């Protein structure tokens, strides 16, 4: 029986590593919208992941547009979507 040392590994990258910093709309001290999109996606175009952050007391909730983390929403329409988990 021989022992083999592995010297190369597959590189695992996530989409989050390739996204620019998010847009943030601070509506109030207890509510904000956060939007992620790849470079080149216009604010009016679908292709954004939208999160609504709500703070109630000591609890911060992050809710997703239409209950999904898919990149299929428009930043400019962020207040029109329903946010759930």
PDB file of N, CA and C in Angstrom:
ATOM      1  N   UNK A   1       0.842  -1.177   0.000  1.00  0.00           N
ATOM      2  CA  UNK A   1       0.000   0.000   0.000  1.00  0.00           C
ATOM      3  C   UNK A   1       0.889   1.242   0.000  1.00  0.00           C
ATOM      4  N   UNK A   2       0.583   2.203  -0.861  1.00  0.00           N
ATOM      5  CA  UNK A   2       1.371   3.435  -0.940  1.00  0.00           C
ATOM      6  C   UNK A   2       0.537   4.614  -0.453  1.00  0.00           C
ATOM      7  N   UNK A   3       1.211   5.581   0.064  1.00  0.00           N
ATOM      8  CA  UNK A   3       0.507   6.817   0.460  1.00  0.00           C
ATOM      9  C   UNK A   3       0.806   7.877  -0.580  1.00  0.00           C
ATOM     10  N   UNK A   4      -0.216   8.585  -0.972  1.00  0.00           N
ATOM     11  CA  UNK A   4      -0.074   9.600  -2.006  1.00  0.00           C
ATOM     12  C   UNK A   4      -0.432  10.951  -1.410  1.00  0.00           C
ATOM     13  N   UNK A   5       0.422  11.923  -1.618  1.00  0.00           N
ATOM     14  CA  UNK A   5       0.147  13.277  -1.157  1.00  0.00           C
ATOM     15  C   UNK A   5      -0.472  14.054  -2.303  1.00  0.00           C
ATOM     16  N   UNK A   6      -1.607  14.610  -2.045  1.00  0.00           N
ATOM     17  CA  UNK A   6      -2.286  15.386  -3.075  1.00  0.00           C
ATOM     18  C   UNK A   6      -1.704  16.796  -3.092  1.00  0.00           C
ATOM     19  N   UNK A   7      -1.272  17.244  -4.250  1.00  0.00           N
ATOM     20  CA  UNK A   7      -0.639  18.558  -4.360  1.00  0.00           C
ATOM     21  C   UNK A   7      -1.476  19.569  -5.123  1.00  0.00           C
ATOM     22  N   UNK A   8      -2.576  19.150  -5.693  1.00  0.00           N
ATOM     23  CA  UNK A   8      -3.444  20.101  -6.382  1.00  0.00           C
ATOM     24  C   UNK A   8      -4.895  19.820  -5.998  1.00  0.00           C
ATOM     25  N   UNK A   9      -5.652  20.872  -5.895  1.00  0.00           N
ATOM     26  CA  UNK A   9      -7.048  20.770  -5.487  1.00  0.00           C
ATOM     27  C   UNK A   9      -7.895  21.593  -6.447  1.00  0.00           C
ATOM     28  N   UNK A  10      -9.137  21.217  -6.618  1.00  0.00           N
ATOM     29  CA  UNK A  10     -10.005  22.043  -7.461  1.00  0.00           C
ATOM     30  C   UNK A  10     -10.275  23.382  -6.767  1.00  0.00           C
ATOM     31  N   UNK A  11     -10.359  24.421  -7.536  1.00  0.00           N
ATOM     32  CA  UNK A  11     -10.649  25.743  -7.004  1.00  0.00           C
ATOM     33  C   UNK A  11     -12.161  25.924  -6.994  1.00  0.00           C
ATOM     34  N   UNK A  12     -12.689  26.266  -5.856  1.00  0.00           N
ATOM     35  CA  UNK A  12     -14.123  26.494  -5.726  1.00  0.00           C
ATOM     36  C   UNK A  12     -14.339  27.986  -5.541  1.00  0.00           C
ATOM     37  N   UNK A  13     -15.123  28.567  -6.427  1.00  0.00           N
ATOM     38  CA  UNK A  13     -15.441  29.983  -6.335  1.00  0.00           C
ATOM     39  C   UNK A  13     -16.946  30.131  -6.279  1.00  0.00           C
ATOM     40  N   UNK A  14     -17.396  31.082  -5.503  1.00  0.00           N
ATOM     41  CA  UNK A  14     -18.826  31.357  -5.423  1.00  0.00           C
ATOM     42  C   UNK A  14     -19.130  32.640  -6.176  1.00  0.00           C
ATOM     43  N   UNK A  15     -20.389  32.810  -6.543  1.00  0.00           N
ATOM     44  CA  UNK A  15     -20.777  34.026  -7.269  1.00  0.00           C
ATOM     45  C   UNK A  15     -20.550  35.258  -6.404  1.00  0.00           C
ATOM     46  N   UNK A  16     -20.653  35.119  -5.081  1.00  0.00           N
ATOM     47  CA  UNK A  16     -20.450  36.253  -4.184  1.00  0.00           C
ATOM     48  C   UNK A  16     -19.046  36.829  -4.300  1.00  0.00           C
ATOM     49  N   UNK A  17     -18.087  36.006  -4.659  1.00  0.00           N
ATOM     50  CA  UNK A  17     -16.712  36.483  -4.803  1.00  0.00           C
ATOM     51  C   UNK A  17     -16.538  37.383  -6.021  1.00  0.00           C
ATOM     52  N   UNK A  18     -17.485  37.364  -6.933  1.00  0.00           N
ATOM     53  CA  UNK A  18     -17.370  38.124  -8.170  1.00  0.00           C
ATOM     54  C   UNK A  18     -18.374  39.271  -8.244  1.00  0.00           C
ATOM     55  N   UNK A  19     -19.079  39.545  -7.167  1.00  0.00           N
ATOM     56  CA  UNK A  19     -20.042  40.639  -7.159  1.00  0.00           C
ATOM     57  C   UNK A  19     -19.401  41.894  -6.584  1.00  0.00           C
ATOM     58  N   UNK A  20     -19.726  43.045  -7.169  1.00  0.00           N
ATOM     59  CA  UNK A  20     -19.260  44.284  -6.556  1.00  0.00           C
ATOM     60  C   UNK A  20     -20.019  44.540  -5.254  1.00  0.00           C
ATOM     61  N   UNK A  21     -19.571  45.503  -4.492  1.00  0.00           N
ATOM     62  CA  UNK A  21     -20.273  45.848  -3.251  1.00  0.00           C
ATOM     63  C   UNK A  21     -21.720  46.212  -3.557  1.00  0.00           C
ATOM     64  N   UNK A  22     -22.632  45.964  -2.619  1.00  0.00           N
ATOM     65  CA  UNK A  22     -24.057  46.183  -2.883  1.00  0.00           C
ATOM     66  C   UNK A  22     -24.461  47.653  -2.878  1.00  0.00           C
ATOM     67  N   UNK A  23     -25.606  47.917  -3.486  1.00  0.00           N
ATOM     68  CA  UNK A  23     -26.296  49.191  -3.316  1.00  0.00           C
ATOM     69  C   UNK A  23     -27.050  49.086  -1.999  1.00  0.00           C
ATOM     70  N   UNK A  24     -27.150  50.178  -1.259  1.00  0.00           N
ATOM     71  CA  UNK A  24     -27.898  50.185  -0.006  1.00  0.00           C
ATOM     72  C   UNK A  24     -28.765  51.432   0.038  1.00  0.00           C
ATOM     73  N   UNK A  25     -30.051  51.224   0.276  1.00  0.00           N
ATOM     74  CA  UNK A  25     -31.027  52.314   0.431  1.00  0.00           C
ATOM     75  C   UNK A  25     -31.512  52.276   1.872  1.00  0.00           C
ATOM     76  N   UNK A  26     -31.008  53.200   2.697  1.00  0.00           N
ATOM     77  CA  UNK A  26     -31.402  53.256   4.112  1.00  0.00           C
ATOM     78  C   UNK A  26     -32.663  54.096   4.236  1.00  0.00           C
ATOM     79  N   UNK A  27     -33.794  53.424   4.296  1.00  0.00           N
ATOM     80  CA  UNK A  27     -35.095  54.072   4.351  1.00  0.00           C
ATOM     81  C   UNK A  27     -35.298  54.740   5.710  1.00  0.00           C
ATOM     82  N   UNK A  28     -34.880  54.057   6.755  1.00  0.00           N
ATOM     83  CA  UNK A  28     -35.000  54.581   8.115  1.00  0.00           C
ATOM     84  C   UNK A  28     -33.970  53.883   8.993  1.00  0.00           C
ATOM     85  N   UNK A  29     -33.988  54.195  10.281  1.00  0.00           N
ATOM     86  CA  UNK A  29     -33.052  53.551  11.211  1.00  0.00           C
ATOM     87  C   UNK A  29     -33.363  52.070  11.386  1.00  0.00           C
ATOM     88  N   UNK A  30     -34.569  51.655  11.014  1.00  0.00           N
ATOM     89  CA  UNK A  30     -34.975  50.264  11.212  1.00  0.00           C
ATOM     90  C   UNK A  30     -35.227  49.502   9.918  1.00  0.00           C
ATOM     91  N   UNK A  31     -35.034  50.154   8.775  1.00  0.00           N
ATOM     92  CA  UNK A  31     -35.336  49.488   7.503  1.00  0.00           C
ATOM     93  C   UNK A  31     -34.372  49.938   6.409  1.00  0.00           C
ATOM     94  N   UNK A  32     -33.858  48.954   5.661  1.00  0.00           N
ATOM     95  CA  UNK A  32     -33.013  49.265   4.510  1.00  0.00           C
ATOM     96  C   UNK A  32     -33.164  48.195   3.451  1.00  0.00           C
ATOM     97  N   UNK A  33     -32.894  48.598   2.208  1.00  0.00           N
ATOM     98  CA  UNK A  33     -32.882  47.677   1.076  1.00  0.00           C
ATOM     99  C   UNK A  33     -31.428  47.492   0.637  1.00  0.00           C
ATOM    100  N   UNK A  34     -31.075  46.254   0.313  1.00  0.00           N
ATOM    101  CA  UNK A  34     -29.724  45.928  -0.132  1.00  0.00           C
ATOM    102  C   UNK A  34     -29.853  45.200  -1.467  1.00  0.00           C
ATOM    103  N   UNK A  35     -29.082  45.636  -2.452  1.00  0.00           N
ATOM    104  CA  UNK A  35     -29.161  45.032  -3.776  1.00  0.00           C
ATOM    105  C   UNK A  35     -27.806  44.625  -4.306  1.00  0.00           C
ATOM    106  N   UNK A  36     -27.720  43.384  -4.795  1.00  0.00           N
ATOM    107  CA  UNK A  36     -26.493  42.842  -5.405  1.00  0.00           C
ATOM    108  C   UNK A  36     -26.763  42.533  -6.872  1.00  0.00           C
ATOM    109  N   UNK A  37     -25.802  42.889  -7.721  1.00  0.00           N
ATOM    110  CA  UNK A  37     -25.900  42.543  -9.139  1.00  0.00           C
ATOM    111  C   UNK A  37     -24.493  42.466  -9.724  1.00  0.00           C
ATOM    112  N   UNK A  38     -24.308  41.618 -10.723  1.00  0.00           N
ATOM    113  CA  UNK A  38     -23.015  41.584 -11.404  1.00  0.00           C
ATOM    114  C   UNK A  38     -22.740  42.927 -12.091  1.00  0.00           C
ATOM    115  N   UNK A  39     -21.476  43.229 -12.316  1.00  0.00           N
ATOM    116  CA  UNK A  39     -21.117  44.453 -13.032  1.00  0.00           C
ATOM    117  C   UNK A  39     -21.814  44.489 -14.380  1.00  0.00           C
ATOM    118  N   UNK A  40     -22.287  45.664 -14.752  1.00  0.00           N
ATOM    119  CA  UNK A  40     -22.926  45.838 -16.053  1.00  0.00           C
ATOM    120  C   UNK A  40     -24.433  45.737 -16.036  1.00  0.00           C
ATOM    121  N   UNK A  41     -25.028  45.309 -14.925  1.00  0.00           N
ATOM    122  CA  UNK A  41     -26.494  45.213 -14.852  1.00  0.00           C
ATOM    123  C   UNK A  41     -27.035  46.582 -14.454  1.00  0.00           C
ATOM    124  N   UNK A  42     -27.882  47.156 -15.300  1.00  0.00           N
ATOM    125  CA  UNK A  42     -28.462  48.473 -15.065  1.00  0.00           C
ATOM    126  C   UNK A  42     -29.438  48.438 -13.891  1.00  0.00           C
ATOM    127  N   UNK A  43     -29.627  49.562 -13.238  1.00  0.00           N
ATOM    128  CA  UNK A  43     -30.547  49.641 -12.091  1.00  0.00           C
ATOM    129  C   UNK A  43     -31.987  49.352 -12.472  1.00  0.00           C
ATOM    130  N   UNK A  44     -32.351  49.576 -13.719  1.00  0.00           N
ATOM    131  CA  UNK A  44     -33.722  49.317 -14.187  1.00  0.00           C
ATOM    132  C   UNK A  44     -33.899  47.904 -14.730  1.00  0.00           C
ATOM    133  N   UNK A  45     -32.808  47.191 -14.898  1.00  0.00           N
ATOM    134  CA  UNK A  45     -32.867  45.858 -15.502  1.00  0.00           C
ATOM    135  C   UNK A  45     -33.043  44.776 -14.442  1.00  0.00           C
ATOM    136  N   UNK A  46     -33.710  43.702 -14.839  1.00  0.00           N
ATOM    137  CA  UNK A  46     -33.795  42.539 -13.961  1.00  0.00           C
ATOM    138  C   UNK A  46     -32.422  41.885 -13.930  1.00  0.00           C
ATOM    139  N   UNK A  47     -32.042  41.354 -12.777  1.00  0.00           N
ATOM    140  CA  UNK A  47     -30.732  40.744 -12.636  1.00  0.00           C
ATOM    141  C   UNK A  47     -30.125  41.039 -11.270  1.00  0.00           C
ATOM    142  N   UNK A  48     -30.964  41.558 -10.371  1.00  0.00           N
ATOM    143  CA  UNK A  48     -30.532  41.920  -9.027  1.00  0.00           C
ATOM    144  C   UNK A  48     -31.062  40.938  -7.989  1.00  0.00           C
ATOM    145  N   UNK A  49     -30.277  40.682  -6.950  1.00  0.00           N
ATOM    146  CA  UNK A  49     -30.751  39.987  -5.742  1.00  0.00           C
ATOM    147  C   UNK A  49     -31.076  41.104  -4.751  1.00  0.00           C
ATOM    148  N   UNK A  50     -32.316  41.117  -4.267  1.00  0.00           N
ATOM    149  CA  UNK A  50     -32.758  42.182  -3.367  1.00  0.00           C
ATOM    150  C   UNK A  50     -33.086  41.635  -1.993  1.00  0.00           C
ATOM    151  N   UNK A  51     -32.626  42.359  -0.986  1.00  0.00           N
ATOM    152  CA  UNK A  51     -32.856  41.996   0.411  1.00  0.00           C
ATOM    153  C   UNK A  51     -33.408  43.218   1.130  1.00  0.00           C
ATOM    154  N   UNK A  52     -34.430  42.999   1.931  1.00  0.00           N
ATOM    155  CA  UNK A  52     -34.962  44.057   2.791  1.00  0.00           C
ATOM    156  C   UNK A  52     -34.560  43.699   4.216  1.00  0.00           C
ATOM    157  N   UNK A  53     -33.859  44.609   4.862  1.00  0.00           N
ATOM    158  CA  UNK A  53     -33.405  44.366   6.226  1.00  0.00           C
ATOM    159  C   UNK A  53     -34.273  45.179   7.176  1.00  0.00           C
ATOM    160  N   UNK A  54     -34.850  44.505   8.159  1.00  0.00           N
ATOM    161  CA  UNK A  54     -35.699  45.151   9.156  1.00  0.00           C
ATOM    162  C   UNK A  54     -35.146  44.883  10.538  1.00  0.00           C
ATOM    163  N   UNK A  55     -35.070  45.929  11.340  1.00  0.00           N
ATOM    164  CA  UNK A  55     -34.591  45.771  12.712  1.00  0.00           C
ATOM    165  C   UNK A  55     -35.755  46.045  13.658  1.00  0.00           C
ATOM    166  N   UNK A  56     -36.044  45.039  14.506  1.00  0.00           N
ATOM    167  CA  UNK A  56     -37.107  45.150  15.501  1.00  0.00           C
ATOM    168  C   UNK A  56     -36.469  44.851  16.852  1.00  0.00           C
ATOM    169  N   UNK A  57     -36.277  45.895  17.651  1.00  0.00           N
ATOM    170  CA  UNK A  57     -35.592  45.708  18.928  1.00  0.00           C
ATOM    171  C   UNK A  57     -34.162  45.262  18.688  1.00  0.00           C
ATOM    172  N   UNK A  58     -33.811  44.111  19.232  1.00  0.00           N
ATOM    173  CA  UNK A  58     -32.457  43.587  19.067  1.00  0.00           C
ATOM    174  C   UNK A  58     -32.346  42.566  17.934  1.00  0.00           C
ATOM    175  N   UNK A  59     -33.441  42.355  17.208  1.00  0.00           N
ATOM    176  CA  UNK A  59     -33.465  41.352  16.137  1.00  0.00           C
ATOM    177  C   UNK A  59     -33.402  42.025  14.771  1.00  0.00           C
ATOM    178  N   UNK A  60     -32.479  41.562  13.934  1.00  0.00           N
ATOM    179  CA  UNK A  60     -32.381  42.039  12.557  1.00  0.00           C
ATOM    180  C   UNK A  60     -32.825  40.909  11.638  1.00  0.00           C
ATOM    181  N   UNK A  61     -33.828  41.199  10.802  1.00  0.00           N
ATOM    182  CA  UNK A  61     -34.346  40.212   9.852  1.00  0.00           C
ATOM    183  C   UNK A  61     -33.921  40.600   8.449  1.00  0.00           C
ATOM    184  N   UNK A  62     -33.513  39.611   7.657  1.00  0.00           N
ATOM    185  CA  UNK A  62     -33.201  39.832   6.250  1.00  0.00           C
ATOM    186  C   UNK A  62     -34.196  39.027   5.413  1.00  0.00           C
ATOM    187  N   UNK A  63     -35.002  39.758   4.676  1.00  0.00           N
ATOM    188  CA  UNK A  63     -36.058  39.157   3.867  1.00  0.00           C
ATOM    189  C   UNK A  63     -35.710  39.325   2.395  1.00  0.00           C
ATOM    190  N   UNK A  64     -36.083  38.357   1.579  1.00  0.00           N
ATOM    191  CA  UNK A  64     -35.732  38.349   0.166  1.00  0.00           C
ATOM    192  C   UNK A  64     -36.935  38.695  -0.703  1.00  0.00           C
ATOM    193  N   UNK A  65     -36.680  39.429  -1.786  1.00  0.00           N
ATOM    194  CA  UNK A  65     -37.745  39.795  -2.724  1.00  0.00           C
ATOM    195  C   UNK A  65     -38.434  38.531  -3.219  1.00  0.00           C
ATOM    196  N   UNK A  66     -39.736  38.499  -3.064  1.00  0.00           N
ATOM    197  CA  UNK A  66     -40.572  37.368  -3.478  1.00  0.00           C
ATOM    198  C   UNK A  66     -40.088  36.049  -2.881  1.00  0.00           C
ATOM    199  N   UNK A  67     -39.353  36.111  -1.762  1.00  0.00           N
ATOM    200  CA  UNK A  67     -38.936  34.906  -1.055  1.00  0.00           C
ATOM    201  C   UNK A  67     -37.834  34.106  -1.728  1.00  0.00           C
ATOM    202  N   UNK A  68     -37.091  34.731  -2.653  1.00  0.00           N
ATOM    203  CA  UNK A  68     -36.036  34.006  -3.352  1.00  0.00           C
ATOM    204  C   UNK A  68     -34.754  34.835  -3.392  1.00  0.00           C
ATOM    205  N   UNK A  69     -33.620  34.155  -3.423  1.00  0.00           N
ATOM    206  CA  UNK A  69     -32.343  34.846  -3.533  1.00  0.00           C
ATOM    207  C   UNK A  69     -31.846  34.879  -4.984  1.00  0.00           C
ATOM    208  N   UNK A  70     -32.744  34.599  -5.917  1.00  0.00           N
ATOM    209  CA  UNK A  70     -32.394  34.635  -7.342  1.00  0.00           C
ATOM    210  C   UNK A  70     -32.069  36.065  -7.787  1.00  0.00           C
ATOM    211  N   UNK A  71     -31.268  36.171  -8.818  1.00  0.00           N
ATOM    212  CA  UNK A  71     -30.929  37.461  -9.418  1.00  0.00           C
ATOM    213  C   UNK A  71     -31.932  37.749 -10.532  1.00  0.00           C
ATOM    214  N   UNK A  72     -33.144  38.154 -10.161  1.00  0.00           N
ATOM    215  CA  UNK A  72     -34.173  38.370 -11.190  1.00  0.00           C
ATOM    216  C   UNK A  72     -35.046  39.593 -10.936  1.00  0.00           C
ATOM    217  N   UNK A  73     -34.528  40.538 -10.184  1.00  0.00           N
ATOM    218  CA  UNK A  73     -35.306  41.715  -9.833  1.00  0.00           C
ATOM    219  C   UNK A  73     -34.592  42.977 -10.293  1.00  0.00           C
ATOM    220  N   UNK A  74     -35.320  44.102 -10.306  1.00  0.00           N
ATOM    221  CA  UNK A  74     -34.755  45.391 -10.709  1.00  0.00           C
ATOM    222  C   UNK A  74     -34.603  46.274  -9.471  1.00  0.00           C
ATOM    223  N   UNK A  75     -33.434  46.866  -9.322  1.00  0.00           N
ATOM    224  CA  UNK A  75     -33.167  47.728  -8.175  1.00  0.00           C
ATOM    225  C   UNK A  75     -34.177  48.869  -8.096  1.00  0.00           C
ATOM    226  N   UNK A  76     -34.497  49.480  -9.210  1.00  0.00           N
ATOM    227  CA  UNK A  76     -35.430  50.615  -9.217  1.00  0.00           C
ATOM    228  C   UNK A  76     -36.839  50.238  -8.758  1.00  0.00           C
ATOM    229  N   UNK A  77     -37.187  48.963  -8.799  1.00  0.00           N
ATOM    230  CA  UNK A  77     -38.519  48.502  -8.376  1.00  0.00           C
ATOM    231  C   UNK A  77     -38.494  47.872  -6.986  1.00  0.00           C
ATOM    232  N   UNK A  78     -37.415  48.060  -6.232  1.00  0.00           N
ATOM    233  CA  UNK A  78     -37.211  47.361  -4.956  1.00  0.00           C
ATOM    234  C   UNK A  78     -38.353  47.537  -3.963  1.00  0.00           C
ATOM    235  N   UNK A  79     -39.017  48.663  -3.967  1.00  0.00           N
ATOM    236  CA  UNK A  79     -40.106  48.896  -2.994  1.00  0.00           C
ATOM    237  C   UNK A  79     -41.424  48.286  -3.438  1.00  0.00           C
ATOM    238  N   UNK A  80     -41.484  47.751  -4.636  1.00  0.00           N
ATOM    239  CA  UNK A  80     -42.722  47.166  -5.155  1.00  0.00           C
ATOM    240  C   UNK A  80     -42.850  45.669  -4.867  1.00  0.00           C
ATOM    241  N   UNK A  81     -41.766  45.030  -4.510  1.00  0.00           N
ATOM    242  CA  UNK A  81     -41.787  43.568  -4.299  1.00  0.00           C
ATOM    243  C   UNK A  81     -42.260  43.221  -2.880  1.00  0.00           C
ATOM    244  N   UNK A  82     -42.706  41.980  -2.749  1.00  0.00           N
ATOM    245  CA  UNK A  82     -43.079  41.429  -1.446  1.00  0.00           C
ATOM    246  C   UNK A  82     -41.856  40.702  -0.903  1.00  0.00           C
ATOM    247  N   UNK A  83     -41.503  40.950   0.340  1.00  0.00           N
ATOM    248  CA  UNK A  83     -40.290  40.366   0.936  1.00  0.00           C
ATOM    249  C   UNK A  83     -40.640  39.351   2.004  1.00  0.00           C
ATOM    250  N   UNK A  84     -40.086  38.136   1.851  1.00  0.00           N
ATOM    251  CA  UNK A  84     -40.319  37.055   2.810  1.00  0.00           C
ATOM    252  C   UNK A  84     -39.069  36.201   2.899  1.00  0.00           C
ATOM    253  N   UNK A  85     -39.115  35.210   3.785  1.00  0.00           N
ATOM    254  CA  UNK A  85     -38.035  34.217   3.905  1.00  0.00           C
ATOM    255  C   UNK A  85     -38.546  32.895   3.413  1.00  0.00           C
TER     256      UNK A  85
END
